[in-house]
Structures are given as C-alpha cells and as structure tokens.
Amino acid sequence: MTSSKCSTIGVLSTIGSQVSLFAMAGLSIVRLNGIGRSLRVPGEVDLVMSLKVTFGILITVVTSAAIAIAPLIHVLENFFVNGVKFADELKIFIGAQGKGNIHRILEAYYGRMKDTTL
C-alpha cells in the first residue's frame, strides 16, 4: 500500500538493520569460540577459512534480503500487515482483517471499484 520508492527505502533500511544484527550475533559467537580455545595456537588463514567467511557473509546478506523483501511479495501481503486504523466513527470496518476484506467491504458499499493496489 505504499509507493515503490518508499518500499525500496524500507527494504534497504531493513537489510542494513538485519546485516548489523546478524554480524553482531556472528561476532559474538566467534568471540565465545575464541575464548573457549584461548590456550590453543591459532592456525593459518587458508582457502578453506576464507571460503567459510565468504559463505557466512553471503548467507547473512541473502537472509537479510529475504526478510526485507518477503512482506512485498503479493501472496504474503496480508500476512505482514501490522495494522490498519480507521476513525472510530467508521463502524463499517469492524472485524475486517486484511486488505482483501476491506476492499470487498468498500466495493459492496460503493459499488463497482477498480481492483488495483496502491
């Protein structure tokens, strides 16, 4: 129910927040692992370790993008609605959950309507 610019800004903001969250969680796990192995001499950085780090970064970015983009998918649109508020004097929308139900109520009230989303 928003413009594409607003959705894009929201997606980028969510990706940034999720990457930050996952990075902090990952760094905490690495630090705990380092404390547990503090008496061991660290090994060399080889190709396998570099691939593990690259894979971790890729998984973090892909998961963050999936979390940010999922609410924009048309099939999941009603699942991620966090609230629709109407004026208290509008009693016609009592019990109407989701955009589809609200659209049907408006169509029944006003007659024929375009079936497009904003």
PDB file of N, CA and C in Angstrom:
ATOM      1  N   MET A   1       0.813  -1.187   0.000  1.00  0.00           N
ATOM      2  CA  MET A   1       0.000   0.000   0.000  1.00  0.00           C
ATOM      3  C   MET A   1       0.858   1.251   0.000  1.00  0.00           C
ATOM      4  N   THR A   2       2.080   1.133  -0.445  1.00  0.00           N
ATOM      5  CA  THR A   2       2.968   2.285  -0.496  1.00  0.00           C
ATOM      6  C   THR A   2       3.569   2.399  -1.883  1.00  0.00           C
ATOM      7  N   SER A   3       4.260   3.502  -2.125  1.00  0.00           N
ATOM      8  CA  SER A   3       4.909   3.690  -3.414  1.00  0.00           C
ATOM      9  C   SER A   3       6.151   2.811  -3.508  1.00  0.00           C
ATOM     10  N   SER A   4       6.653   2.675  -4.723  1.00  0.00           N
ATOM     11  CA  SER A   4       7.838   1.838  -4.921  1.00  0.00           C
ATOM     12  C   SER A   4       9.075   2.474  -4.294  1.00  0.00           C
ATOM     13  N   LYS A   5       9.152   3.807  -4.280  1.00  0.00           N
ATOM     14  CA  LYS A   5      10.290   4.476  -3.636  1.00  0.00           C
ATOM     15  C   LYS A   5      10.297   4.196  -2.140  1.00  0.00           C
ATOM     16  N   CYS A   6       9.126   4.297  -1.523  1.00  0.00           N
ATOM     17  CA  CYS A   6       9.025   4.048  -0.088  1.00  0.00           C
ATOM     18  C   CYS A   6       9.368   2.588   0.229  1.00  0.00           C
ATOM     19  N   SER A   7       8.891   1.673  -0.605  1.00  0.00           N
ATOM     20  CA  SER A   7       9.192   0.257  -0.404  1.00  0.00           C
ATOM     21  C   SER A   7      10.683  -0.012  -0.552  1.00  0.00           C
ATOM     22  N   THR A   8      11.315   0.614  -1.538  1.00  0.00           N
ATOM     23  CA  THR A   8      12.754   0.432  -1.753  1.00  0.00           C
ATOM     24  C   THR A   8      13.555   0.946  -0.556  1.00  0.00           C
ATOM     25  N   ILE A   9      13.189   2.103  -0.066  1.00  0.00           N
ATOM     26  CA  ILE A   9      13.886   2.652   1.105  1.00  0.00           C
ATOM     27  C   ILE A   9      13.683   1.746   2.310  1.00  0.00           C
ATOM     28  N   GLY A  10      12.468   1.228   2.482  1.00  0.00           N
ATOM     29  CA  GLY A  10      12.198   0.315   3.584  1.00  0.00           C
ATOM     30  C   GLY A  10      12.998  -0.971   3.480  1.00  0.00           C
ATOM     31  N   VAL A  11      13.107  -1.511   2.262  1.00  0.00           N
ATOM     32  CA  VAL A  11      13.879  -2.738   2.050  1.00  0.00           C
ATOM     33  C   VAL A  11      15.349  -2.496   2.371  1.00  0.00           C
ATOM     34  N   LEU A  12      15.907  -1.402   1.877  1.00  0.00           N
ATOM     35  CA  LEU A  12      17.319  -1.105   2.142  1.00  0.00           C
ATOM     36  C   LEU A  12      17.570  -0.883   3.632  1.00  0.00           C
ATOM     37  N   SER A  13      16.658  -0.200   4.288  1.00  0.00           N
ATOM     38  CA  SER A  13      16.804   0.025   5.721  1.00  0.00           C
ATOM     39  C   SER A  13      16.745  -1.288   6.495  1.00  0.00           C
ATOM     40  N   THR A  14      15.813  -2.149   6.117  1.00  0.00           N
ATOM     41  CA  THR A  14      15.682  -3.442   6.795  1.00  0.00           C
ATOM     42  C   THR A  14      16.899  -4.317   6.543  1.00  0.00           C
ATOM     43  N   ILE A  15      17.408  -4.322   5.324  1.00  0.00           N
ATOM     44  CA  ILE A  15      18.611  -5.110   5.024  1.00  0.00           C
ATOM     45  C   ILE A  15      19.771  -4.618   5.884  1.00  0.00           C
ATOM     46  N   GLY A  16      19.946  -3.302   5.987  1.00  0.00           N
ATOM     47  CA  GLY A  16      21.019  -2.759   6.812  1.00  0.00           C
ATOM     48  C   GLY A  16      20.882  -3.161   8.274  1.00  0.00           C
ATOM     49  N   SER A  17      19.670  -3.090   8.796  1.00  0.00           N
ATOM     50  CA  SER A  17      19.440  -3.467  10.191  1.00  0.00           C
ATOM     51  C   SER A  17      19.694  -4.947  10.419  1.00  0.00           C
ATOM     52  N   GLN A  18      19.230  -5.783   9.504  1.00  0.00           N
ATOM     53  CA  GLN A  18      19.397  -7.222   9.670  1.00  0.00           C
ATOM     54  C   GLN A  18      20.859  -7.639   9.522  1.00  0.00           C
ATOM     55  N   VAL A  19      21.574  -7.041   8.574  1.00  0.00           N
ATOM     56  CA  VAL A  19      23.007  -7.350   8.430  1.00  0.00           C
ATOM     57  C   VAL A  19      23.739  -6.984   9.708  1.00  0.00           C
ATOM     58  N   SER A  20      23.411  -5.829  10.276  1.00  0.00           N
ATOM     59  CA  SER A  20      24.041  -5.416  11.530  1.00  0.00           C
ATOM     60  C   SER A  20      23.728  -6.404  12.651  1.00  0.00           C
ATOM     61  N   LEU A  21      22.476  -6.807  12.753  1.00  0.00           N
ATOM     62  CA  LEU A  21      22.073  -7.761  13.786  1.00  0.00           C
ATOM     63  C   LEU A  21      22.794  -9.100  13.628  1.00  0.00           C
ATOM     64  N   PHE A  22      22.801  -9.634  12.411  1.00  0.00           N
ATOM     65  CA  PHE A  22      23.463 -10.920  12.174  1.00  0.00           C
ATOM     66  C   PHE A  22      24.977 -10.818  12.366  1.00  0.00           C
ATOM     67  N   ALA A  23      25.571  -9.686  11.980  1.00  0.00           N
ATOM     68  CA  ALA A  23      27.018  -9.510  12.164  1.00  0.00           C
ATOM     69  C   ALA A  23      27.378  -9.497  13.648  1.00  0.00           C
ATOM     70  N   MET A  24      26.584  -8.800  14.450  1.00  0.00           N
ATOM     71  CA  MET A  24      26.850  -8.769  15.892  1.00  0.00           C
ATOM     72  C   MET A  24      26.692 -10.162  16.510  1.00  0.00           C
ATOM     73  N   ALA A  25      25.674 -10.895  16.077  1.00  0.00           N
ATOM     74  CA  ALA A  25      25.490 -12.257  16.598  1.00  0.00           C
ATOM     75  C   ALA A  25      26.658 -13.152  16.168  1.00  0.00           C
ATOM     76  N   GLY A  26      27.063 -13.035  14.901  1.00  0.00           N
ATOM     77  CA  GLY A  26      28.183 -13.836  14.413  1.00  0.00           C
ATOM     78  C   GLY A  26      29.485 -13.498  15.112  1.00  0.00           C
ATOM     79  N   LEU A  27      29.753 -12.218  15.311  1.00  0.00           N
ATOM     80  CA  LEU A  27      30.972 -11.822  16.005  1.00  0.00           C
ATOM     81  C   LEU A  27      30.967 -12.288  17.459  1.00  0.00           C
ATOM     82  N   SER A  28      29.805 -12.279  18.092  1.00  0.00           N
ATOM     83  CA  SER A  28      29.714 -12.787  19.471  1.00  0.00           C
ATOM     84  C   SER A  28      30.016 -14.276  19.528  1.00  0.00           C
ATOM     85  N   ILE A  29      29.514 -15.027  18.565  1.00  0.00           N
ATOM     86  CA  ILE A  29      29.786 -16.467  18.529  1.00  0.00           C
ATOM     87  C   ILE A  29      31.267 -16.730  18.272  1.00  0.00           C
ATOM     88  N   VAL A  30      31.852 -15.970  17.351  1.00  0.00           N
ATOM     89  CA  VAL A  30      33.289 -16.118  17.079  1.00  0.00           C
ATOM     90  C   VAL A  30      34.099 -15.776  18.325  1.00  0.00           C
ATOM     91  N   ARG A  31      33.702 -14.746  19.036  1.00  0.00           N
ATOM     92  CA  ARG A  31      34.427 -14.352  20.258  1.00  0.00           C
ATOM     93  C   ARG A  31      34.314 -15.420  21.334  1.00  0.00           C
ATOM     94  N   LEU A  32      33.105 -15.976  21.530  1.00  0.00           N
ATOM     95  CA  LEU A  32      32.935 -17.057  22.502  1.00  0.00           C
ATOM     96  C   LEU A  32      33.758 -18.276  22.118  1.00  0.00           C
ATOM     97  N   ASN A  33      33.803 -18.563  20.848  1.00  0.00           N
ATOM     98  CA  ASN A  33      34.615 -19.671  20.360  1.00  0.00           C
ATOM     99  C   ASN A  33      36.094 -19.394  20.620  1.00  0.00           C
ATOM    100  N   GLY A  34      36.525 -18.151  20.426  1.00  0.00           N
ATOM    101  CA  GLY A  34      37.915 -17.783  20.677  1.00  0.00           C
ATOM    102  C   GLY A  34      38.287 -17.867  22.147  1.00  0.00           C
ATOM    103  N   ILE A  35      37.363 -17.513  23.027  1.00  0.00           N
ATOM    104  CA  ILE A  35      37.620 -17.626  24.463  1.00  0.00           C
ATOM    105  C   ILE A  35      37.749 -19.086  24.858  1.00  0.00           C
ATOM    106  N   GLY A  36      36.924 -19.925  24.289  1.00  0.00           N
ATOM    107  CA  GLY A  36      36.982 -21.364  24.601  1.00  0.00           C
ATOM    108  C   GLY A  36      38.258 -22.018  24.124  1.00  0.00           C
ATOM    109  N   ARG A  37      38.851 -21.483  23.081  1.00  0.00           N
ATOM    110  CA  ARG A  37      40.092 -22.059  22.535  1.00  0.00           C
ATOM    111  C   ARG A  37      41.284 -21.137  22.776  1.00  0.00           C
ATOM    112  N   SER A  38      41.250 -20.383  23.853  1.00  0.00           N
ATOM    113  CA  SER A  38      42.284 -19.368  24.070  1.00  0.00           C
ATOM    114  C   SER A  38      43.672 -19.947  24.335  1.00  0.00           C
ATOM    115  N   LEU A  39      43.756 -21.187  24.751  1.00  0.00           N
ATOM    116  CA  LEU A  39      45.065 -21.778  25.034  1.00  0.00           C
ATOM    117  C   LEU A  39      45.683 -22.424  23.806  1.00  0.00           C
ATOM    118  N   ARG A  40      44.947 -22.512  22.727  1.00  0.00           N
ATOM    119  CA  ARG A  40      45.444 -23.121  21.506  1.00  0.00           C
ATOM    120  C   ARG A  40      46.084 -22.070  20.601  1.00  0.00           C
ATOM    121  N   VAL A  41      47.140 -22.437  19.917  1.00  0.00           N
ATOM    122  CA  VAL A  41      47.804 -21.542  18.971  1.00  0.00           C
ATOM    123  C   VAL A  41      46.930 -21.452  17.719  1.00  0.00           C
ATOM    124  N   PRO A  42      46.593 -20.233  17.267  1.00  0.00           N
ATOM    125  CA  PRO A  42      45.741 -20.110  16.080  1.00  0.00           C
ATOM    126  C   PRO A  42      46.456 -20.612  14.831  1.00  0.00           C
ATOM    127  N   GLY A  43      45.668 -21.159  13.928  1.00  0.00           N
ATOM    128  CA  GLY A  43      46.229 -21.688  12.684  1.00  0.00           C
ATOM    129  C   GLY A  43      46.321 -20.616  11.613  1.00  0.00           C
ATOM    130  N   GLU A  44      46.839 -21.023  10.468  1.00  0.00           N
ATOM    131  CA  GLU A  44      46.986 -20.102   9.345  1.00  0.00           C
ATOM    132  C   GLU A  44      45.618 -19.840   8.707  1.00  0.00           C
ATOM    133  N   VAL A  45      45.531 -18.704   8.046  1.00  0.00           N
ATOM    134  CA  VAL A  45      44.333 -18.397   7.266  1.00  0.00           C
ATOM    135  C   VAL A  45      44.552 -18.999   5.883  1.00  0.00           C
ATOM    136  N   ASP A  46      43.778 -20.019   5.575  1.00  0.00           N
ATOM    137  CA  ASP A  46      43.923 -20.694   4.295  1.00  0.00           C
ATOM    138  C   ASP A  46      42.669 -20.496   3.452  1.00  0.00           C
ATOM    139  N   LEU A  47      42.611 -21.167   2.332  1.00  0.00           N
ATOM    140  CA  LEU A  47      41.488 -21.034   1.402  1.00  0.00           C
ATOM    141  C   LEU A  47      40.182 -21.501   2.046  1.00  0.00           C
ATOM    142  N   VAL A  48      40.228 -22.569   2.809  1.00  0.00           N
ATOM    143  CA  VAL A  48      39.015 -23.093   3.442  1.00  0.00           C
ATOM    144  C   VAL A  48      38.433 -22.072   4.413  1.00  0.00           C
ATOM    145  N   MET A  49      39.276 -21.452   5.223  1.00  0.00           N
ATOM    146  CA  MET A  49      38.807 -20.447   6.172  1.00  0.00           C
ATOM    147  C   MET A  49      38.243 -19.223   5.435  1.00  0.00           C
ATOM    148  N   SER A  50      38.900 -18.824   4.360  1.00  0.00           N
ATOM    149  CA  SER A  50      38.408 -17.696   3.567  1.00  0.00           C
ATOM    150  C   SER A  50      37.050 -18.009   2.946  1.00  0.00           C
ATOM    151  N   LEU A  51      36.863 -19.235   2.466  1.00  0.00           N
ATOM    152  CA  LEU A  51      35.575 -19.640   1.903  1.00  0.00           C
ATOM    153  C   LEU A  51      34.483 -19.684   2.967  1.00  0.00           C
ATOM    154  N   LYS A  52      34.829 -20.109   4.195  1.00  0.00           N
ATOM    155  CA  LYS A  52      33.851 -20.116   5.286  1.00  0.00           C
ATOM    156  C   LYS A  52      33.385 -18.702   5.610  1.00  0.00           C
ATOM    157  N   VAL A  53      34.311 -17.761   5.668  1.00  0.00           N
ATOM    158  CA  VAL A  53      33.959 -16.371   5.954  1.00  0.00           C
ATOM    159  C   VAL A  53      33.115 -15.791   4.821  1.00  0.00           C
ATOM    160  N   THR A  54      33.506 -16.054   3.584  1.00  0.00           N
ATOM    161  CA  THR A  54      32.741 -15.580   2.433  1.00  0.00           C
ATOM    162  C   THR A  54      31.337 -16.166   2.429  1.00  0.00           C
ATOM    163  N   PHE A  55      31.218 -17.453   2.721  1.00  0.00           N
ATOM    164  CA  PHE A  55      29.918 -18.111   2.780  1.00  0.00           C
ATOM    165  C   PHE A  55      29.069 -17.518   3.901  1.00  0.00           C
ATOM    166  N   GLY A  56      29.658 -17.228   5.046  1.00  0.00           N
ATOM    167  CA  GLY A  56      28.936 -16.610   6.158  1.00  0.00           C
ATOM    168  C   GLY A  56      28.405 -15.232   5.801  1.00  0.00           C
ATOM    169  N   ILE A  57      29.223 -14.440   5.117  1.00  0.00           N
ATOM    170  CA  ILE A  57      28.789 -13.108   4.687  1.00  0.00           C
ATOM    171  C   ILE A  57      27.666 -13.225   3.668  1.00  0.00           C
ATOM    172  N   LEU A  58      27.797 -14.149   2.725  1.00  0.00           N
ATOM    173  CA  LEU A  58      26.763 -14.353   1.705  1.00  0.00           C
ATOM    174  C   LEU A  58      25.435 -14.782   2.342  1.00  0.00           C
ATOM    175  N   ILE A  59      25.494 -15.715   3.274  1.00  0.00           N
ATOM    176  CA  ILE A  59      24.282 -16.174   3.956  1.00  0.00           C
ATOM    177  C   ILE A  59      23.639 -15.023   4.729  1.00  0.00           C
ATOM    178  N   THR A  60      24.448 -14.193   5.373  1.00  0.00           N
ATOM    179  CA  THR A  60      23.930 -13.046   6.126  1.00  0.00           C
ATOM    180  C   THR A  60      23.195 -12.075   5.217  1.00  0.00           C
ATOM    181  N   VAL A  61      23.782 -11.745   4.080  1.00  0.00           N
ATOM    182  CA  VAL A  61      23.168 -10.786   3.161  1.00  0.00           C
ATOM    183  C   VAL A  61      21.910 -11.382   2.521  1.00  0.00           C
ATOM    184  N   VAL A  62      21.969 -12.638   2.103  1.00  0.00           N
ATOM    185  CA  VAL A  62      20.800 -13.269   1.468  1.00  0.00           C
ATOM    186  C   VAL A  62      19.642 -13.391   2.460  1.00  0.00           C
ATOM    187  N   THR A  63      19.928 -13.802   3.685  1.00  0.00           N
ATOM    188  CA  THR A  63      18.874 -13.912   4.695  1.00  0.00           C
ATOM    189  C   THR A  63      18.283 -12.543   5.010  1.00  0.00           C
ATOM    190  N   SER A  64      19.113 -11.539   5.121  1.00  0.00           N
ATOM    191  CA  SER A  64      18.627 -10.180   5.383  1.00  0.00           C
ATOM    192  C   SER A  64      17.746  -9.681   4.248  1.00  0.00           C
ATOM    193  N   ALA A  65      18.155  -9.943   3.012  1.00  0.00           N
ATOM    194  CA  ALA A  65      17.344  -9.535   1.862  1.00  0.00           C
ATOM    195  C   ALA A  65      16.008 -10.282   1.837  1.00  0.00           C
ATOM    196  N   ALA A  66      16.023 -11.566   2.174  1.00  0.00           N
ATOM    197  CA  ALA A  66      14.774 -12.337   2.199  1.00  0.00           C
ATOM    198  C   ALA A  66      13.810 -11.801   3.250  1.00  0.00           C
ATOM    199  N   ILE A  67      14.341 -11.447   4.423  1.00  0.00           N
ATOM    200  CA  ILE A  67      13.500 -10.883   5.479  1.00  0.00           C
ATOM    201  C   ILE A  67      12.925  -9.538   5.033  1.00  0.00           C
ATOM    202  N   ALA A  68      13.696  -8.743   4.316  1.00  0.00           N
ATOM    203  CA  ALA A  68      13.243  -7.421   3.889  1.00  0.00           C
ATOM    204  C   ALA A  68      12.261  -7.480   2.729  1.00  0.00           C
ATOM    205  N   ILE A  69      12.426  -8.443   1.825  1.00  0.00           N
ATOM    206  CA  ILE A  69      11.609  -8.490   0.616  1.00  0.00           C
ATOM    207  C   ILE A  69      10.331  -9.304   0.808  1.00  0.00           C
ATOM    208  N   ALA A  70      10.310 -10.239   1.742  1.00  0.00           N
ATOM    209  CA  ALA A  70       9.138 -11.111   1.931  1.00  0.00           C
ATOM    210  C   ALA A  70       7.829 -10.349   2.104  1.00  0.00           C
ATOM    211  N   PRO A  71       7.771  -9.261   2.878  1.00  0.00           N
ATOM    212  CA  PRO A  71       6.492  -8.556   3.012  1.00  0.00           C
ATOM    213  C   PRO A  71       5.999  -7.888   1.733  1.00  0.00           C
ATOM    214  N   LEU A  72       6.869  -7.709   0.745  1.00  0.00           N
ATOM    215  CA  LEU A  72       6.467  -7.070  -0.504  1.00  0.00           C
ATOM    216  C   LEU A  72       5.907  -8.054  -1.519  1.00  0.00           C
ATOM    217  N   ILE A  73       6.047  -9.345  -1.277  1.00  0.00           N
ATOM    218  CA  ILE A  73       5.529 -10.358  -2.197  1.00  0.00           C
ATOM    219  C   ILE A  73       4.010 -10.348  -2.096  1.00  0.00           C
ATOM    220  N   HIS A  74       3.351 -10.291  -3.250  1.00  0.00           N
ATOM    221  CA  HIS A  74       1.900 -10.103  -3.291  1.00  0.00           C
ATOM    222  C   HIS A  74       1.140 -11.178  -2.512  1.00  0.00           C
ATOM    223  N   VAL A  75       1.578 -12.417  -2.585  1.00  0.00           N
ATOM    224  CA  VAL A  75       0.887 -13.512  -1.897  1.00  0.00           C
ATOM    225  C   VAL A  75       0.962 -13.341  -0.376  1.00  0.00           C
ATOM    226  N   LEU A  76       2.056 -12.799   0.132  1.00  0.00           N
ATOM    227  CA  LEU A  76       2.257 -12.640   1.570  1.00  0.00           C
ATOM    228  C   LEU A  76       1.834 -11.269   2.095  1.00  0.00           C
ATOM    229  N   GLU A  77       1.233 -10.456   1.237  1.00  0.00           N
ATOM    230  CA  GLU A  77       0.939  -9.074   1.580  1.00  0.00           C
ATOM    231  C   GLU A  77       0.061  -8.946   2.823  1.00  0.00           C
ATOM    232  N   ASN A  78      -1.007  -9.718   2.921  1.00  0.00           N
ATOM    233  CA  ASN A  78      -1.902  -9.626   4.076  1.00  0.00           C
ATOM    234  C   ASN A  78      -1.287 -10.220   5.339  1.00  0.00           C
ATOM    235  N   PHE A  79      -0.375 -11.155   5.207  1.00  0.00           N
ATOM    236  CA  PHE A  79       0.252 -11.779   6.368  1.00  0.00           C
ATOM    237  C   PHE A  79       1.100 -10.779   7.149  1.00  0.00           C
ATOM    238  N   PHE A  80       1.711  -9.826   6.451  1.00  0.00           N
ATOM    239  CA  PHE A  80       2.625  -8.882   7.083  1.00  0.00           C
ATOM    240  C   PHE A  80       2.002  -7.527   7.385  1.00  0.00           C
ATOM    241  N   VAL A  81       0.680  -7.389   7.256  1.00  0.00           N
ATOM    242  CA  VAL A  81       0.038  -6.122   7.604  1.00  0.00           C
ATOM    243  C   VAL A  81       0.117  -5.967   9.113  1.00  0.00           C
ATOM    244  N   ASN A  82       0.701  -4.864   9.582  1.00  0.00           N
ATOM    245  CA  ASN A  82       0.866  -4.697  11.019  1.00  0.00           C
ATOM    246  C   ASN A  82      -0.219  -3.833  11.641  1.00  0.00           C
ATOM    247  N   GLY A  83      -1.168  -3.412  10.867  1.00  0.00           N
ATOM    248  CA  GLY A  83      -2.286  -2.670  11.436  1.00  0.00           C
ATOM    249  C   GLY A  83      -2.911  -1.730  10.436  1.00  0.00           C
ATOM    250  N   VAL A  84      -4.221  -1.665  10.473  1.00  0.00           N
ATOM    251  CA  VAL A  84      -4.981  -0.729   9.667  1.00  0.00           C
ATOM    252  C   VAL A  84      -5.884   0.007  10.644  1.00  0.00           C
ATOM    253  N   LYS A  85      -5.787   1.313  10.685  1.00  0.00           N
ATOM    254  CA  LYS A  85      -6.558   2.112  11.643  1.00  0.00           C
ATOM    255  C   LYS A  85      -7.504   3.021  10.893  1.00  0.00           C
ATOM    256  N   PHE A  86      -8.773   2.955  11.262  1.00  0.00           N
ATOM    257  CA  PHE A  86      -9.784   3.845  10.712  1.00  0.00           C
ATOM    258  C   PHE A  86     -10.326   4.715  11.840  1.00  0.00           C
ATOM    259  N   ALA A  87     -10.978   5.783  11.495  1.00  0.00           N
ATOM    260  CA  ALA A  87     -11.587   6.651  12.506  1.00  0.00           C
ATOM    261  C   ALA A  87     -12.620   5.850  13.297  1.00  0.00           C
ATOM    262  N   ASP A  88     -12.764   6.165  14.567  1.00  0.00           N
ATOM    263  CA  ASP A  88     -13.666   5.417  15.446  1.00  0.00           C
ATOM    264  C   ASP A  88     -15.119   5.471  15.002  1.00  0.00           C
ATOM    265  N   GLU A  89     -15.523   6.525  14.311  1.00  0.00           N
ATOM    266  CA  GLU A  89     -16.922   6.629  13.893  1.00  0.00           C
ATOM    267  C   GLU A  89     -17.250   5.758  12.673  1.00  0.00           C
ATOM    268  N   LEU A  90     -16.257   5.181  12.028  1.00  0.00           N
ATOM    269  CA  LEU A  90     -16.497   4.296  10.875  1.00  0.00           C
ATOM    270  C   LEU A  90     -16.720   2.865  11.372  1.00  0.00           C
ATOM    271  N   LYS A  91     -17.945   2.502  11.615  1.00  0.00           N
ATOM    272  CA  LYS A  91     -18.289   1.185  12.166  1.00  0.00           C
ATOM    273  C   LYS A  91     -18.347   0.103  11.085  1.00  0.00           C
ATOM    274  N   ILE A  92     -18.257   0.481   9.821  1.00  0.00           N
ATOM    275  CA  ILE A  92     -18.402  -0.473   8.722  1.00  0.00           C
ATOM    276  C   ILE A  92     -17.229  -1.463   8.658  1.00  0.00           C
ATOM    277  N   PHE A  93     -16.068  -1.088   9.204  1.00  0.00           N
ATOM    278  CA  PHE A  93     -14.880  -1.922   9.093  1.00  0.00           C
ATOM    279  C   PHE A  93     -14.613  -2.786  10.326  1.00  0.00           C
ATOM    280  N   ILE A  94     -15.548  -2.838  11.267  1.00  0.00           N
ATOM    281  CA  ILE A  94     -15.355  -3.652  12.465  1.00  0.00           C
ATOM    282  C   ILE A  94     -15.250  -5.124  12.054  1.00  0.00           C
ATOM    283  N   GLY A  95     -14.195  -5.777  12.465  1.00  0.00           N
ATOM    284  CA  GLY A  95     -13.993  -7.191  12.145  1.00  0.00           C
ATOM    285  C   GLY A  95     -13.366  -7.444  10.790  1.00  0.00           C
ATOM    286  N   ALA A  96     -13.019  -6.412  10.061  1.00  0.00           N
ATOM    287  CA  ALA A  96     -12.407  -6.590   8.738  1.00  0.00           C
ATOM    288  C   ALA A  96     -10.897  -6.717   8.905  1.00  0.00           C
ATOM    289  N   GLN A  97     -10.382  -7.894   8.709  1.00  0.00           N
ATOM    290  CA  GLN A  97      -8.951  -8.142   8.812  1.00  0.00           C
ATOM    291  C   GLN A  97      -8.381  -8.310   7.416  1.00  0.00           C
ATOM    292  N   GLY A  98      -7.380  -7.557   7.080  1.00  0.00           N
ATOM    293  CA  GLY A  98      -6.690  -7.719   5.804  1.00  0.00           C
ATOM    294  C   GLY A  98      -7.239  -6.807   4.724  1.00  0.00           C
ATOM    295  N   LYS A  99      -6.380  -6.518   3.757  1.00  0.00           N
ATOM    296  CA  LYS A  99      -6.739  -5.623   2.665  1.00  0.00           C
ATOM    297  C   LYS A  99      -7.829  -6.190   1.783  1.00  0.00           C
ATOM    298  N   GLY A 100      -7.830  -7.504   1.587  1.00  0.00           N
ATOM    299  CA  GLY A 100      -8.848  -8.113   0.728  1.00  0.00           C
ATOM    300  C   GLY A 100     -10.244  -7.910   1.280  1.00  0.00           C
ATOM    301  N   ASN A 101     -10.417  -8.130   2.579  1.00  0.00           N
ATOM    302  CA  ASN A 101     -11.733  -7.939   3.200  1.00  0.00           C
ATOM    303  C   ASN A 101     -12.149  -6.469   3.164  1.00  0.00           C
ATOM    304  N   ILE A 102     -11.226  -5.563   3.437  1.00  0.00           N
ATOM    305  CA  ILE A 102     -11.541  -4.132   3.401  1.00  0.00           C
ATOM    306  C   ILE A 102     -11.942  -3.723   1.991  1.00  0.00           C
ATOM    307  N   HIS A 103     -11.246  -4.244   1.000  1.00  0.00           N
ATOM    308  CA  HIS A 103     -11.577  -3.928  -0.394  1.00  0.00           C
ATOM    309  C   HIS A 103     -12.973  -4.437  -0.743  1.00  0.00           C
ATOM    310  N   ARG A 104     -13.318  -5.646  -0.298  1.00  0.00           N
ATOM    311  CA  ARG A 104     -14.655  -6.188  -0.573  1.00  0.00           C
ATOM    312  C   ARG A 104     -15.745  -5.352   0.103  1.00  0.00           C
ATOM    313  N   ILE A 105     -15.479  -4.888   1.318  1.00  0.00           N
ATOM    314  CA  ILE A 105     -16.456  -4.039   2.017  1.00  0.00           C
ATOM    315  C   ILE A 105     -16.651  -2.724   1.262  1.00  0.00           C
ATOM    316  N   LEU A 106     -15.554  -2.111   0.832  1.00  0.00           N
ATOM    317  CA  LEU A 106     -15.655  -0.863   0.085  1.00  0.00           C
ATOM    318  C   LEU A 106     -16.378  -1.069  -1.236  1.00  0.00           C
ATOM    319  N   GLU A 107     -16.107  -2.181  -1.908  1.00  0.00           N
ATOM    320  CA  GLU A 107     -16.768  -2.468  -3.174  1.00  0.00           C
ATOM    321  C   GLU A 107     -18.265  -2.681  -2.968  1.00  0.00           C
ATOM    322  N   ALA A 108     -18.648  -3.378  -1.898  1.00  0.00           N
ATOM    323  CA  ALA A 108     -20.066  -3.583  -1.610  1.00  0.00           C
ATOM    324  C   ALA A 108     -20.751  -2.261  -1.247  1.00  0.00           C
ATOM    325  N   TYR A 109     -20.044  -1.383  -0.578  1.00  0.00           N
ATOM    326  CA  TYR A 109     -20.614  -0.112  -0.140  1.00  0.00           C
ATOM    327  C   TYR A 109     -20.752   0.876  -1.295  1.00  0.00           C
ATOM    328  N   TYR A 110     -19.685   1.003  -2.105  1.00  0.00           N
ATOM    329  CA  TYR A 110     -19.681   1.997  -3.173  1.00  0.00           C
ATOM    330  C   TYR A 110     -20.088   1.449  -4.529  1.00  0.00           C
ATOM    331  N   GLY A 111     -20.188   0.147  -4.667  1.00  0.00           N
ATOM    332  CA  GLY A 111     -20.491  -0.427  -5.975  1.00  0.00           C
ATOM    333  C   GLY A 111     -19.218  -0.857  -6.669  1.00  0.00           C
ATOM    334  N   ARG A 112     -19.179  -0.711  -7.978  1.00  0.00           N
ATOM    335  CA  ARG A 112     -18.042  -1.150  -8.777  1.00  0.00           C
ATOM    336  C   ARG A 112     -16.792  -0.331  -8.457  1.00  0.00           C
ATOM    337  N   MET A 113     -15.663  -1.024  -8.271  1.00  0.00           N
ATOM    338  CA  MET A 113     -14.375  -0.358  -7.972  1.00  0.00           C
ATOM    339  C   MET A 113     -13.270  -0.997  -8.795  1.00  0.00           C
ATOM    340  N   LYS A 114     -12.203  -0.240  -9.010  1.00  0.00           N
ATOM    341  CA  LYS A 114     -11.011  -0.794  -9.647  1.00  0.00           C
ATOM    342  C   LYS A 114     -10.330  -1.738  -8.675  1.00  0.00           C
ATOM    343  N   ASP A 115      -9.833  -2.832  -9.176  1.00  0.00           N
ATOM    344  CA  ASP A 115      -9.141  -3.813  -8.309  1.00  0.00           C
ATOM    345  C   ASP A 115      -7.633  -3.627  -8.440  1.00  0.00           C
ATOM    346  N   THR A 116      -7.150  -2.465  -8.025  1.00  0.00           N
ATOM    347  CA  THR A 116      -5.714  -2.201  -8.057  1.00  0.00           C
ATOM    348  C   THR A 116      -5.247  -1.853  -6.658  1.00  0.00           C
ATOM    349  N   THR A 117      -4.000  -2.132  -6.382  1.00  0.00           N
ATOM    350  CA  THR A 117      -3.433  -1.769  -5.104  1.00  0.00           C
ATOM    351  C   THR A 117      -2.545  -0.550  -5.271  1.00  0.00           C
ATOM    352  N   LEU A 118      -2.388   0.172  -4.220  1.00  0.00           N
ATOM    353  CA  LEU A 118      -1.533   1.371  -4.261  1.00  0.00           C
ATOM    354  C   LEU A 118      -0.092   0.975  -4.164  1.00  0.00           C
TER     355      LEU A 118
END
